[in-house]
Amino acid sequence: MVILAGGVSASFAEAASAQDLNLICSADQAVCERLVAEFEGSHDIDVNMVRLSSGEAYAKIRAEARNPQTDLWWGGTGDPHLQAAIDGLSEEYRSPMLEKLQDWAVEQAETSEYRTVGVYSGALGWGYNTDILAEKGIEPPQCWADLLDPALAGEVQMADPNSSGTAYTALATLVQLMGEDEAFDYLKKLDANVSQYTKSGSAPVKAAGRGESGLGIVFMHDAVAQAEEGFPIEVVAPCEGTGYEIGSMSLIAGAQNEDSAKTFYDWVLGADIQSMLPEAGSFQIPSNVDAKVSEAAPKLDDVKLIDYDFAQYGGSDRRAELLSRWSREIGGVGN
């Protein structure tokens, strides 16, 4: 069963009187629905799924800490999953599938004392609409610095880091690349070119694909998904370097359906399941070493990646500091 939810007020209890697995999914809706359909088709377990962005998911889980309504949280950037682990909102679980996972996925588990695990990885960048930029005579941006070009005024969209894990990764990436004060100076200048701060991390490049804006700052695989659907989107990895995500999964402390959650947890780490996800438009790098990587997926070896500090920027204090400063100095959802 799938429930569409637009905010943290979504309640599993509203769906049905009894469910076998209460799942929050922080990937694109099509990916979430495909996972639920495949799982229910091969297991005698009913899944009640709510799709929430990473920030919304963390807020919901934290708000319900005394009476958890969620059993499992799959997908979304790893920073809020790490914060949930630090806050004691997730439960330690050492899946028998750990030995089948990439080193970076296992390191995510070790960093969190096995309260979360890596399920996919992807680099941050952007996708631009080739038609719009060509029509306006705008030189396609290849570097972070290029996004400040006055010609891009009103053509850039990115998400709000308070609701979006993608945007928080962008914020933390710029801080690590430039230094905190320099990054906020950059973001203030970039704000002049931003037409909208969206709630969802992938929404900016979808808007670019529809021709509603010229460029969306997103994970590169989300831009690839738009290009694969036939939209005039070109994918860019910033020349100065960029951060990346370790999309994660967490078993929620006090889960009402812990056995069902562990069954899904182990199943979704399987190579066959992860190999299937590109069919639903997911072009991340899978965590299972035996999973097939789509030829359309961004080649991380070709991307200049920074040494992203997941432990620091997934920590509660650092995350809260950056989000508070962003809200004070830059803006909010819908600005």
C-alpha atoms as a PDB file:
ATOM      1  CA  MET A   1       0.000   0.000   0.000  1.00  0.00           C
ATOM      2  CA  VAL A   2       1.311   3.445  -0.907  1.00  0.00           C
ATOM      3  CA  ILE A   3       0.343   6.700   0.762  1.00  0.00           C
ATOM      4  CA  LEU A   4       1.235  10.018  -0.838  1.00  0.00           C
ATOM      5  CA  ALA A   5       2.292  12.484   1.807  1.00  0.00           C
ATOM      6  CA  GLY A   6       3.340  16.083   1.505  1.00  0.00           C
ATOM      7  CA  GLY A   7       4.641  16.688   5.002  1.00  0.00           C
ATOM      8  CA  VAL A   8       5.649  15.328   8.361  1.00  0.00           C
ATOM      9  CA  SER A   9       2.048  15.149   9.524  1.00  0.00           C
ATOM     10  CA  ALA A  10       1.548  11.980   7.491  1.00  0.00           C
ATOM     11  CA  SER A  11       0.411   9.161   9.752  1.00  0.00           C
ATOM     12  CA  PHE A  12       0.527   5.465   9.103  1.00  0.00           C
ATOM     13  CA  ALA A  13      -2.350   5.025  11.508  1.00  0.00           C
ATOM     14  CA  GLU A  14      -4.615   6.842   9.081  1.00  0.00           C
ATOM     15  CA  ALA A  15      -4.039   4.201   6.400  1.00  0.00           C
ATOM     16  CA  ALA A  16      -5.334   1.040   7.950  1.00  0.00           C
ATOM     17  CA  SER A  17      -5.869  -0.562  11.300  1.00  0.00           C
ATOM     18  CA  ALA A  18      -3.105  -3.123  10.832  1.00  0.00           C
ATOM     19  CA  GLN A  19      -0.004  -3.199   8.653  1.00  0.00           C
ATOM     20  CA  ASP A  20       2.865  -5.660   8.443  1.00  0.00           C
ATOM     21  CA  LEU A  21       5.532  -3.105   7.580  1.00  0.00           C
ATOM     22  CA  ASN A  22       5.463   0.671   8.004  1.00  0.00           C
ATOM     23  CA  LEU A  23       8.035   2.101   5.607  1.00  0.00           C
ATOM     24  CA  ILE A  24       9.289   5.610   4.930  1.00  0.00           C
ATOM     25  CA  CYS A  25      10.889   5.863   1.507  1.00  0.00           C
ATOM     26  CA  SER A  26      13.030   8.901   0.683  1.00  0.00           C
ATOM     27  CA  ALA A  27      13.742   8.143  -2.973  1.00  0.00           C
ATOM     28  CA  ASP A  28      11.683   9.215  -5.972  1.00  0.00           C
ATOM     29  CA  GLN A  29       8.070   8.042  -5.902  1.00  0.00           C
ATOM     30  CA  ALA A  30       8.524   5.662  -8.859  1.00  0.00           C
ATOM     31  CA  VAL A  31      11.444   3.925  -7.132  1.00  0.00           C
ATOM     32  CA  CYS A  32       9.532   3.641  -3.860  1.00  0.00           C
ATOM     33  CA  GLU A  33       6.486   2.167  -5.564  1.00  0.00           C
ATOM     34  CA  ARG A  34       8.593  -0.334  -7.506  1.00  0.00           C
ATOM     35  CA  LEU A  35      10.284  -1.566  -4.329  1.00  0.00           C
ATOM     36  CA  VAL A  36       6.954  -1.996  -2.558  1.00  0.00           C
ATOM     37  CA  ALA A  37       5.429  -3.876  -5.500  1.00  0.00           C
ATOM     38  CA  GLU A  38       8.411  -6.216  -5.837  1.00  0.00           C
ATOM     39  CA  PHE A  39       8.564  -6.908  -2.101  1.00  0.00           C
ATOM     40  CA  GLU A  40       4.857  -7.546  -1.678  1.00  0.00           C
ATOM     41  CA  GLY A  41       4.951  -9.786  -4.756  1.00  0.00           C
ATOM     42  CA  SER A  42       7.527 -12.063  -3.171  1.00  0.00           C
ATOM     43  CA  HIS A  43       6.615 -11.867   0.526  1.00  0.00           C
ATOM     44  CA  ASP A  44       3.479 -12.390   2.577  1.00  0.00           C
ATOM     45  CA  ILE A  45       3.898  -8.926   4.081  1.00  0.00           C
ATOM     46  CA  ASP A  46       1.769  -5.853   3.406  1.00  0.00           C
ATOM     47  CA  VAL A  47       3.752  -2.635   3.144  1.00  0.00           C
ATOM     48  CA  ASN A  48       2.317   0.713   4.166  1.00  0.00           C
ATOM     49  CA  MET A  49       4.672   3.225   2.530  1.00  0.00           C
ATOM     50  CA  VAL A  50       4.925   6.993   2.897  1.00  0.00           C
ATOM     51  CA  ARG A  51       7.244   8.939   0.585  1.00  0.00           C
ATOM     52  CA  LEU A  52       9.025  11.779   2.392  1.00  0.00           C
ATOM     53  CA  SER A  53      12.184  13.731   1.637  1.00  0.00           C
ATOM     54  CA  SER A  54      15.103  13.089   3.969  1.00  0.00           C
ATOM     55  CA  GLY A  55      14.588  16.116   6.185  1.00  0.00           C
ATOM     56  CA  GLU A  56      10.875  15.436   6.502  1.00  0.00           C
ATOM     57  CA  ALA A  57      11.540  11.774   7.294  1.00  0.00           C
ATOM     58  CA  TYR A  58      13.956  12.617  10.077  1.00  0.00           C
ATOM     59  CA  ALA A  59      11.518  15.163  11.533  1.00  0.00           C
ATOM     60  CA  LYS A  60       8.674  12.618  11.501  1.00  0.00           C
ATOM     61  CA  ILE A  61      10.735   9.907  13.155  1.00  0.00           C
ATOM     62  CA  ARG A  62      12.006  12.299  15.798  1.00  0.00           C
ATOM     63  CA  ALA A  63       8.507  13.628  16.527  1.00  0.00           C
ATOM     64  CA  GLU A  64       7.227  10.081  17.032  1.00  0.00           C
ATOM     65  CA  ALA A  65      10.164   8.881  19.135  1.00  0.00           C
ATOM     66  CA  ARG A  66       8.028   8.057  22.178  1.00  0.00           C
ATOM     67  CA  ASN A  67       5.516   6.135  20.085  1.00  0.00           C
ATOM     68  CA  PRO A  68       7.208   5.051  16.846  1.00  0.00           C
ATOM     69  CA  GLN A  69       4.882   4.733  13.865  1.00  0.00           C
ATOM     70  CA  THR A  70       7.682   3.785  11.445  1.00  0.00           C
ATOM     71  CA  ASP A  71       9.487   0.454  11.235  1.00  0.00           C
ATOM     72  CA  LEU A  72      12.041   1.137   8.523  1.00  0.00           C
ATOM     73  CA  TRP A  73      13.441   4.153   6.686  1.00  0.00           C
ATOM     74  CA  TRP A  74      14.921   3.452   3.231  1.00  0.00           C
ATOM     75  CA  GLY A  75      16.802   5.879   1.026  1.00  0.00           C
ATOM     76  CA  GLY A  76      17.661   9.534   1.171  1.00  0.00           C
ATOM     77  CA  THR A  77      21.010  11.069   1.984  1.00  0.00           C
ATOM     78  CA  GLY A  78      23.051   9.540   4.759  1.00  0.00           C
ATOM     79  CA  ASP A  79      23.529  12.668   6.897  1.00  0.00           C
ATOM     80  CA  PRO A  80      20.033  12.640   8.477  1.00  0.00           C
ATOM     81  CA  HIS A  81      20.289   8.867   8.903  1.00  0.00           C
ATOM     82  CA  LEU A  82      23.516   9.426  10.848  1.00  0.00           C
ATOM     83  CA  GLN A  83      21.806  12.114  12.891  1.00  0.00           C
ATOM     84  CA  ALA A  84      18.977   9.699  13.683  1.00  0.00           C
ATOM     85  CA  ALA A  85      21.580   7.172  14.818  1.00  0.00           C
ATOM     86  CA  ILE A  86      23.285   9.717  17.075  1.00  0.00           C
ATOM     87  CA  ASP A  87      19.903  10.666  18.530  1.00  0.00           C
ATOM     88  CA  GLY A  88      19.090   7.033  19.318  1.00  0.00           C
ATOM     89  CA  LEU A  89      16.148   6.989  16.906  1.00  0.00           C
ATOM     90  CA  SER A  90      17.422   3.975  14.993  1.00  0.00           C
ATOM     91  CA  GLU A  91      18.275   0.467  16.140  1.00  0.00           C
ATOM     92  CA  GLU A  92      21.529  -1.453  15.736  1.00  0.00           C
ATOM     93  CA  TYR A  93      21.209  -4.196  13.135  1.00  0.00           C
ATOM     94  CA  ARG A  94      24.032  -6.160  11.536  1.00  0.00           C
ATOM     95  CA  SER A  95      22.518  -7.651   8.431  1.00  0.00           C
ATOM     96  CA  PRO A  96      23.942 -10.927   7.104  1.00  0.00           C
ATOM     97  CA  MET A  97      24.191  -9.045   3.795  1.00  0.00           C
ATOM     98  CA  LEU A  98      26.952  -6.749   5.094  1.00  0.00           C
ATOM     99  CA  GLU A  99      29.661  -8.995   3.669  1.00  0.00           C
ATOM    100  CA  LYS A 100      28.183  -8.437   0.191  1.00  0.00           C
ATOM    101  CA  LEU A 101      28.404  -4.641   0.337  1.00  0.00           C
ATOM    102  CA  GLN A 102      30.849  -2.042  -0.965  1.00  0.00           C
ATOM    103  CA  ASP A 103      33.380  -0.671   1.523  1.00  0.00           C
ATOM    104  CA  TRP A 104      31.675   2.728   1.627  1.00  0.00           C
ATOM    105  CA  ALA A 105      28.364   1.111   2.551  1.00  0.00           C
ATOM    106  CA  VAL A 106      29.969  -0.845   5.386  1.00  0.00           C
ATOM    107  CA  GLU A 107      31.844   2.246   6.590  1.00  0.00           C
ATOM    108  CA  GLN A 108      28.500   4.022   6.872  1.00  0.00           C
ATOM    109  CA  ALA A 109      27.312   1.194   9.109  1.00  0.00           C
ATOM    110  CA  GLU A 110      30.475   1.304  11.207  1.00  0.00           C
ATOM    111  CA  THR A 111      30.284   5.097  11.618  1.00  0.00           C
ATOM    112  CA  SER A 112      26.740   4.766  12.981  1.00  0.00           C
ATOM    113  CA  GLU A 113      27.554   1.753  15.183  1.00  0.00           C
ATOM    114  CA  TYR A 114      25.427  -0.290  12.777  1.00  0.00           C
ATOM    115  CA  ARG A 115      22.321   1.857  13.176  1.00  0.00           C
ATOM    116  CA  THR A 116      22.282   2.635   9.448  1.00  0.00           C
ATOM    117  CA  VAL A 117      23.834   1.193   6.292  1.00  0.00           C
ATOM    118  CA  GLY A 118      24.662   2.418   2.795  1.00  0.00           C
ATOM    119  CA  VAL A 119      22.271   1.358   0.035  1.00  0.00           C
ATOM    120  CA  TYR A 120      23.512   3.497  -2.879  1.00  0.00           C
ATOM    121  CA  SER A 121      25.891   6.334  -3.679  1.00  0.00           C
ATOM    122  CA  GLY A 122      25.829   9.314  -6.013  1.00  0.00           C
ATOM    123  CA  ALA A 123      27.699  12.553  -6.690  1.00  0.00           C
ATOM    124  CA  LEU A 124      26.319  16.083  -6.511  1.00  0.00           C
ATOM    125  CA  GLY A 125      26.186  18.260  -9.597  1.00  0.00           C
ATOM    126  CA  TRP A 126      23.502  19.747 -11.803  1.00  0.00           C
ATOM    127  CA  GLY A 127      21.510  19.285 -14.934  1.00  0.00           C
ATOM    128  CA  TYR A 128      20.788  22.095 -17.362  1.00  0.00           C
ATOM    129  CA  ASN A 129      18.254  22.423 -20.146  1.00  0.00           C
ATOM    130  CA  THR A 130      20.282  22.615 -23.337  1.00  0.00           C
ATOM    131  CA  ASP A 131      17.449  24.230 -25.297  1.00  0.00           C
ATOM    132  CA  ILE A 132      16.856  27.057 -22.822  1.00  0.00           C
ATOM    133  CA  LEU A 133      20.529  27.924 -22.422  1.00  0.00           C
ATOM    134  CA  ALA A 134      21.085  27.821 -26.188  1.00  0.00           C
ATOM    135  CA  GLU A 135      18.060  30.022 -26.888  1.00  0.00           C
ATOM    136  CA  LYS A 136      19.268  32.604 -24.355  1.00  0.00           C
ATOM    137  CA  GLY A 137      22.890  32.420 -25.460  1.00  0.00           C
ATOM    138  CA  ILE A 138      24.081  31.330 -22.016  1.00  0.00           C
ATOM    139  CA  GLU A 139      27.403  29.511 -21.791  1.00  0.00           C
ATOM    140  CA  PRO A 140      26.740  26.142 -20.112  1.00  0.00           C
ATOM    141  CA  PRO A 141      28.182  26.252 -16.565  1.00  0.00           C
ATOM    142  CA  GLN A 142      30.873  23.686 -15.802  1.00  0.00           C
ATOM    143  CA  CYS A 143      32.020  24.946 -12.393  1.00  0.00           C
ATOM    144  CA  TRP A 144      30.447  26.194  -9.162  1.00  0.00           C
ATOM    145  CA  ALA A 145      31.790  29.653  -9.982  1.00  0.00           C
ATOM    146  CA  ASP A 146      29.923  29.642 -13.290  1.00  0.00           C
ATOM    147  CA  LEU A 147      26.564  29.440 -11.517  1.00  0.00           C
ATOM    148  CA  LEU A 148      27.058  33.065 -10.412  1.00  0.00           C
ATOM    149  CA  ASP A 149      26.894  34.283 -14.038  1.00  0.00           C
ATOM    150  CA  PRO A 150      24.294  37.128 -14.137  1.00  0.00           C
ATOM    151  CA  ALA A 151      22.972  35.597 -17.355  1.00  0.00           C
ATOM    152  CA  LEU A 152      21.543  32.791 -15.198  1.00  0.00           C
ATOM    153  CA  ALA A 153      19.347  35.145 -13.159  1.00  0.00           C
ATOM    154  CA  GLY A 154      16.060  33.390 -12.463  1.00  0.00           C
ATOM    155  CA  GLU A 155      17.219  30.195 -14.193  1.00  0.00           C
ATOM    156  CA  VAL A 156      18.547  28.214 -11.217  1.00  0.00           C
ATOM    157  CA  GLN A 157      16.595  26.048  -8.826  1.00  0.00           C
ATOM    158  CA  MET A 158      17.807  24.115  -5.804  1.00  0.00           C
ATOM    159  CA  ALA A 159      16.079  22.626  -2.809  1.00  0.00           C
ATOM    160  CA  ASP A 160      15.839  23.907   0.757  1.00  0.00           C
ATOM    161  CA  PRO A 161      18.379  22.041   2.944  1.00  0.00           C
ATOM    162  CA  ASN A 162      15.913  22.034   5.835  1.00  0.00           C
ATOM    163  CA  SER A 163      13.669  19.620   3.940  1.00  0.00           C
ATOM    164  CA  SER A 164      16.022  18.123   1.368  1.00  0.00           C
ATOM    165  CA  GLY A 165      18.994  15.863   1.954  1.00  0.00           C
ATOM    166  CA  THR A 166      20.241  16.733  -1.521  1.00  0.00           C
ATOM    167  CA  ALA A 167      20.385  20.423  -0.690  1.00  0.00           C
ATOM    168  CA  TYR A 168      21.995  19.788   2.690  1.00  0.00           C
ATOM    169  CA  THR A 169      24.687  17.807   0.879  1.00  0.00           C
ATOM    170  CA  ALA A 170      25.177  20.810  -1.404  1.00  0.00           C
ATOM    171  CA  LEU A 171      25.449  23.142   1.587  1.00  0.00           C
ATOM    172  CA  ALA A 172      27.921  20.877   3.397  1.00  0.00           C
ATOM    173  CA  THR A 173      29.879  20.354   0.186  1.00  0.00           C
ATOM    174  CA  LEU A 174      30.350  24.075  -0.398  1.00  0.00           C
ATOM    175  CA  VAL A 175      31.415  24.595   3.212  1.00  0.00           C
ATOM    176  CA  GLN A 176      34.030  21.865   2.878  1.00  0.00           C
ATOM    177  CA  LEU A 177      35.202  23.175  -0.505  1.00  0.00           C
ATOM    178  CA  MET A 178      35.390  26.863   0.370  1.00  0.00           C
ATOM    179  CA  GLY A 179      35.226  27.308   4.129  1.00  0.00           C
ATOM    180  CA  GLU A 180      32.030  28.261   5.950  1.00  0.00           C
ATOM    181  CA  ASP A 181      32.039  32.050   5.591  1.00  0.00           C
ATOM    182  CA  GLU A 182      33.161  31.847   1.976  1.00  0.00           C
ATOM    183  CA  ALA A 183      30.453  29.278   1.216  1.00  0.00           C
ATOM    184  CA  PHE A 184      27.729  31.511   2.643  1.00  0.00           C
ATOM    185  CA  ASP A 185      29.072  34.467   0.677  1.00  0.00           C
ATOM    186  CA  TYR A 186      28.820  32.278  -2.414  1.00  0.00           C
ATOM    187  CA  LEU A 187      25.273  31.185  -1.564  1.00  0.00           C
ATOM    188  CA  LYS A 188      24.170  34.794  -1.068  1.00  0.00           C
ATOM    189  CA  LYS A 189      25.456  35.620  -4.541  1.00  0.00           C
ATOM    190  CA  LEU A 190      23.885  32.477  -5.986  1.00  0.00           C
ATOM    191  CA  ASP A 191      20.562  33.478  -4.424  1.00  0.00           C
ATOM    192  CA  ALA A 192      20.309  36.255  -7.014  1.00  0.00           C
ATOM    193  CA  ASN A 193      20.038  33.591  -9.717  1.00  0.00           C
ATOM    194  CA  VAL A 194      17.718  31.203  -7.831  1.00  0.00           C
ATOM    195  CA  SER A 195      14.066  31.332  -8.828  1.00  0.00           C
ATOM    196  CA  GLN A 196      12.853  28.824  -6.215  1.00  0.00           C
ATOM    197  CA  TYR A 197      13.993  26.700  -3.289  1.00  0.00           C
ATOM    198  CA  THR A 198      11.980  23.504  -3.567  1.00  0.00           C
ATOM    199  CA  LYS A 199      11.070  20.959  -0.887  1.00  0.00           C
ATOM    200  CA  SER A 200      12.235  17.935  -2.874  1.00  0.00           C
ATOM    201  CA  GLY A 201      15.849  17.433  -3.859  1.00  0.00           C
ATOM    202  CA  SER A 202      15.114  16.134  -7.350  1.00  0.00           C
ATOM    203  CA  ALA A 203      12.428  18.737  -8.155  1.00  0.00           C
ATOM    204  CA  PRO A 204      14.852  21.368  -9.549  1.00  0.00           C
ATOM    205  CA  VAL A 205      16.069  19.215 -12.436  1.00  0.00           C
ATOM    206  CA  LYS A 206      12.545  18.000 -13.155  1.00  0.00           C
ATOM    207  CA  ALA A 207      11.553  21.651 -13.525  1.00  0.00           C
ATOM    208  CA  ALA A 208      14.508  22.156 -15.858  1.00  0.00           C
ATOM    209  CA  GLY A 209      13.418  19.150 -17.878  1.00  0.00           C
ATOM    210  CA  ARG A 210       9.921  20.627 -18.262  1.00  0.00           C
ATOM    211  CA  GLY A 211      11.409  23.948 -19.366  1.00  0.00           C
ATOM    212  CA  GLU A 212      10.316  25.811 -16.229  1.00  0.00           C
ATOM    213  CA  SER A 213      13.899  26.763 -15.378  1.00  0.00           C
ATOM    214  CA  GLY A 214      17.286  26.493 -16.979  1.00  0.00           C
ATOM    215  CA  LEU A 215      19.191  24.489 -14.382  1.00  0.00           C
ATOM    216  CA  GLY A 216      18.699  22.367 -11.278  1.00  0.00           C
ATOM    217  CA  ILE A 217      21.342  21.665  -8.622  1.00  0.00           C
ATOM    218  CA  VAL A 218      20.798  17.990  -7.819  1.00  0.00           C
ATOM    219  CA  PHE A 219      22.539  14.660  -7.541  1.00  0.00           C
ATOM    220  CA  MET A 220      23.886  13.783 -10.954  1.00  0.00           C
ATOM    221  CA  HIS A 221      21.877  10.553 -11.131  1.00  0.00           C
ATOM    222  CA  ASP A 222      18.643  12.555 -10.859  1.00  0.00           C
ATOM    223  CA  ALA A 223      19.731  14.588 -13.866  1.00  0.00           C
ATOM    224  CA  VAL A 224      20.579  11.364 -15.700  1.00  0.00           C
ATOM    225  CA  ALA A 225      17.059  10.096 -15.004  1.00  0.00           C
ATOM    226  CA  GLN A 226      15.603  13.147 -16.752  1.00  0.00           C
ATOM    227  CA  ALA A 227      17.926  12.727 -19.717  1.00  0.00           C
ATOM    228  CA  GLU A 228      17.007   9.051 -19.968  1.00  0.00           C
ATOM    229  CA  GLU A 229      13.335  10.027 -20.141  1.00  0.00           C
ATOM    230  CA  GLY A 230      14.100  12.110 -23.200  1.00  0.00           C
ATOM    231  CA  PHE A 231      14.269  15.595 -21.712  1.00  0.00           C
ATOM    232  CA  PRO A 232      16.981  17.965 -23.061  1.00  0.00           C
ATOM    233  CA  ILE A 233      19.126  17.721 -19.938  1.00  0.00           C
ATOM    234  CA  GLU A 234      22.921  17.766 -19.864  1.00  0.00           C
ATOM    235  CA  VAL A 235      24.617  16.476 -16.710  1.00  0.00           C
ATOM    236  CA  VAL A 236      27.547  18.308 -15.106  1.00  0.00           C
ATOM    237  CA  ALA A 237      30.088  17.432 -12.405  1.00  0.00           C
ATOM    238  CA  PRO A 238      31.530  20.716 -11.020  1.00  0.00           C
ATOM    239  CA  CYS A 239      35.137  21.327 -12.063  1.00  0.00           C
ATOM    240  CA  GLU A 240      36.306  22.474  -8.598  1.00  0.00           C
ATOM    241  CA  GLY A 241      35.136  19.228  -7.004  1.00  0.00           C
ATOM    242  CA  THR A 242      31.923  18.063  -5.417  1.00  0.00           C
ATOM    243  CA  GLY A 243      30.429  16.085  -2.588  1.00  0.00           C
ATOM    244  CA  TYR A 244      28.495  12.865  -2.713  1.00  0.00           C
ATOM    245  CA  GLU A 245      25.864  10.995  -0.808  1.00  0.00           C
ATOM    246  CA  ILE A 246      25.685   7.580   0.716  1.00  0.00           C
ATOM    247  CA  GLY A 247      21.976   6.871   0.518  1.00  0.00           C
ATOM    248  CA  SER A 248      21.139   4.907   3.625  1.00  0.00           C
ATOM    249  CA  MET A 249      18.641   2.682   5.404  1.00  0.00           C
ATOM    250  CA  SER A 250      17.754   2.583   9.099  1.00  0.00           C
ATOM    251  CA  LEU A 251      15.773   0.239  11.322  1.00  0.00           C
ATOM    252  CA  ILE A 252      13.751   2.451  13.656  1.00  0.00           C
ATOM    253  CA  ALA A 253      14.137   2.005  17.408  1.00  0.00           C
ATOM    254  CA  GLY A 254      10.954   0.615  18.935  1.00  0.00           C
ATOM    255  CA  ALA A 255       9.649  -0.633  15.572  1.00  0.00           C
ATOM    256  CA  GLN A 256       6.270  -2.315  15.897  1.00  0.00           C
ATOM    257  CA  ASN A 257       7.070  -4.783  13.113  1.00  0.00           C
ATOM    258  CA  GLU A 258      10.772  -5.437  13.617  1.00  0.00           C
ATOM    259  CA  ASP A 259      10.843  -8.874  11.992  1.00  0.00           C
ATOM    260  CA  SER A 260       9.164  -7.594   8.836  1.00  0.00           C
ATOM    261  CA  ALA A 261      11.537  -4.628   8.786  1.00  0.00           C
ATOM    262  CA  LYS A 262      14.574  -6.900   8.971  1.00  0.00           C
ATOM    263  CA  THR A 263      13.170  -9.051   6.192  1.00  0.00           C
ATOM    264  CA  PHE A 264      12.862  -6.004   3.924  1.00  0.00           C
ATOM    265  CA  TYR A 265      16.267  -4.733   5.081  1.00  0.00           C
ATOM    266  CA  ASP A 266      18.076  -7.916   4.037  1.00  0.00           C
ATOM    267  CA  TRP A 267      16.048  -8.277   0.825  1.00  0.00           C
ATOM    268  CA  VAL A 268      16.694  -4.762  -0.452  1.00  0.00           C
ATOM    269  CA  LEU A 269      20.455  -5.203  -0.017  1.00  0.00           C
ATOM    270  CA  GLY A 270      20.378  -8.090  -2.494  1.00  0.00           C
ATOM    271  CA  ALA A 271      22.166  -7.776  -5.828  1.00  0.00           C
ATOM    272  CA  ASP A 272      19.121  -8.744  -7.894  1.00  0.00           C
ATOM    273  CA  ILE A 273      16.920  -6.092  -6.265  1.00  0.00           C
ATOM    274  CA  GLN A 274      19.518  -3.336  -6.598  1.00  0.00           C
ATOM    275  CA  SER A 275      20.170  -4.310 -10.234  1.00  0.00           C
ATOM    276  CA  MET A 276      16.468  -3.789 -10.967  1.00  0.00           C
ATOM    277  CA  LEU A 277      16.264  -0.187  -9.723  1.00  0.00           C
ATOM    278  CA  PRO A 278      17.374   1.549 -12.962  1.00  0.00           C
ATOM    279  CA  GLU A 279      14.140   0.217 -14.479  1.00  0.00           C
ATOM    280  CA  ALA A 280      12.356   2.599 -12.089  1.00  0.00           C
ATOM    281  CA  GLY A 281      14.634   5.522 -12.963  1.00  0.00           C
ATOM    282  CA  SER A 282      17.225   5.068 -10.201  1.00  0.00           C
ATOM    283  CA  PHE A 283      20.758   5.576 -11.549  1.00  0.00           C
ATOM    284  CA  GLN A 284      22.786   5.624  -8.337  1.00  0.00           C
ATOM    285  CA  ILE A 285      25.750   3.330  -7.692  1.00  0.00           C
ATOM    286  CA  PRO A 286      24.352   0.285  -5.824  1.00  0.00           C
ATOM    287  CA  SER A 287      25.905  -0.855  -2.560  1.00  0.00           C
ATOM    288  CA  ASN A 288      25.935  -4.587  -3.315  1.00  0.00           C
ATOM    289  CA  VAL A 289      29.226  -5.503  -5.002  1.00  0.00           C
ATOM    290  CA  ASP A 290      27.455  -7.947  -7.323  1.00  0.00           C
ATOM    291  CA  ALA A 291      24.681  -5.560  -8.416  1.00  0.00           C
ATOM    292  CA  LYS A 292      24.691  -4.467 -12.041  1.00  0.00           C
ATOM    293  CA  VAL A 293      25.445  -0.782 -12.567  1.00  0.00           C
ATOM    294  CA  SER A 294      23.472   0.912 -15.332  1.00  0.00           C
ATOM    295  CA  GLU A 295      25.602   2.162 -18.227  1.00  0.00           C
ATOM    296  CA  ALA A 296      23.722   5.460 -17.896  1.00  0.00           C
ATOM    297  CA  ALA A 297      24.840   5.952 -14.299  1.00  0.00           C
ATOM    298  CA  PRO A 298      27.433   8.696 -13.701  1.00  0.00           C
ATOM    299  CA  LYS A 299      30.980   7.313 -13.596  1.00  0.00           C
ATOM    300  CA  LEU A 300      32.288   8.389 -10.208  1.00  0.00           C
ATOM    301  CA  ASP A 301      35.866   7.747 -11.333  1.00  0.00           C
ATOM    302  CA  ASP A 302      35.390  10.674 -13.741  1.00  0.00           C
ATOM    303  CA  VAL A 303      34.138  13.019 -11.007  1.00  0.00           C
ATOM    304  CA  LYS A 304      36.423  15.085  -8.779  1.00  0.00           C
ATOM    305  CA  LEU A 305      35.082  14.087  -5.372  1.00  0.00           C
ATOM    306  CA  ILE A 306      35.970  15.843  -2.142  1.00  0.00           C
ATOM    307  CA  ASP A 307      36.804  13.861   0.994  1.00  0.00           C
ATOM    308  CA  TYR A 308      33.297  14.397   2.373  1.00  0.00           C
ATOM    309  CA  ASP A 309      33.262  14.205   6.172  1.00  0.00           C
ATOM    310  CA  PHE A 310      30.112  12.196   6.853  1.00  0.00           C
ATOM    311  CA  ALA A 311      30.777  11.883  10.580  1.00  0.00           C
ATOM    312  CA  GLN A 312      31.051  15.660  11.129  1.00  0.00           C
ATOM    313  CA  TYR A 313      28.356  16.856   8.740  1.00  0.00           C
ATOM    314  CA  GLY A 314      25.964  14.091   9.729  1.00  0.00           C
ATOM    315  CA  GLY A 315      26.370  15.092  13.373  1.00  0.00           C
ATOM    316  CA  SER A 316      23.500  16.840  15.135  1.00  0.00           C
ATOM    317  CA  ASP A 317      25.366  19.956  16.237  1.00  0.00           C
ATOM    318  CA  ARG A 318      27.100  20.718  12.948  1.00  0.00           C
ATOM    319  CA  ARG A 319      23.989  20.022  10.929  1.00  0.00           C
ATOM    320  CA  ALA A 320      21.860  22.251  13.170  1.00  0.00           C
ATOM    321  CA  GLU A 321      24.416  25.086  12.969  1.00  0.00           C
ATOM    322  CA  LEU A 322      24.509  25.072   9.174  1.00  0.00           C
ATOM    323  CA  LEU A 323      20.751  24.787   8.735  1.00  0.00           C
ATOM    324  CA  SER A 324      20.119  27.595  11.194  1.00  0.00           C
ATOM    325  CA  ARG A 325      22.603  29.860   9.430  1.00  0.00           C
ATOM    326  CA  TRP A 326      21.138  29.011   6.020  1.00  0.00           C
ATOM    327  CA  SER A 327      17.634  29.851   7.225  1.00  0.00           C
ATOM    328  CA  ARG A 328      18.812  33.190   8.676  1.00  0.00           C
ATOM    329  CA  GLU A 329      21.001  34.318   5.816  1.00  0.00           C
ATOM    330  CA  ILE A 330      19.659  32.705   2.644  1.00  0.00           C
ATOM    331  CA  GLY A 331      15.984  31.834   2.779  1.00  0.00           C
ATOM    332  CA  GLY A 332      13.438  29.058   3.018  1.00  0.00           C
ATOM    333  CA  VAL A 333      11.144  26.812   1.058  1.00  0.00           C
ATOM    334  CA  GLY A 334       9.298  28.712  -1.622  1.00  0.00           C
ATOM    335  CA  ASN A 335      11.579  31.763  -1.580  1.00  0.00           C
END
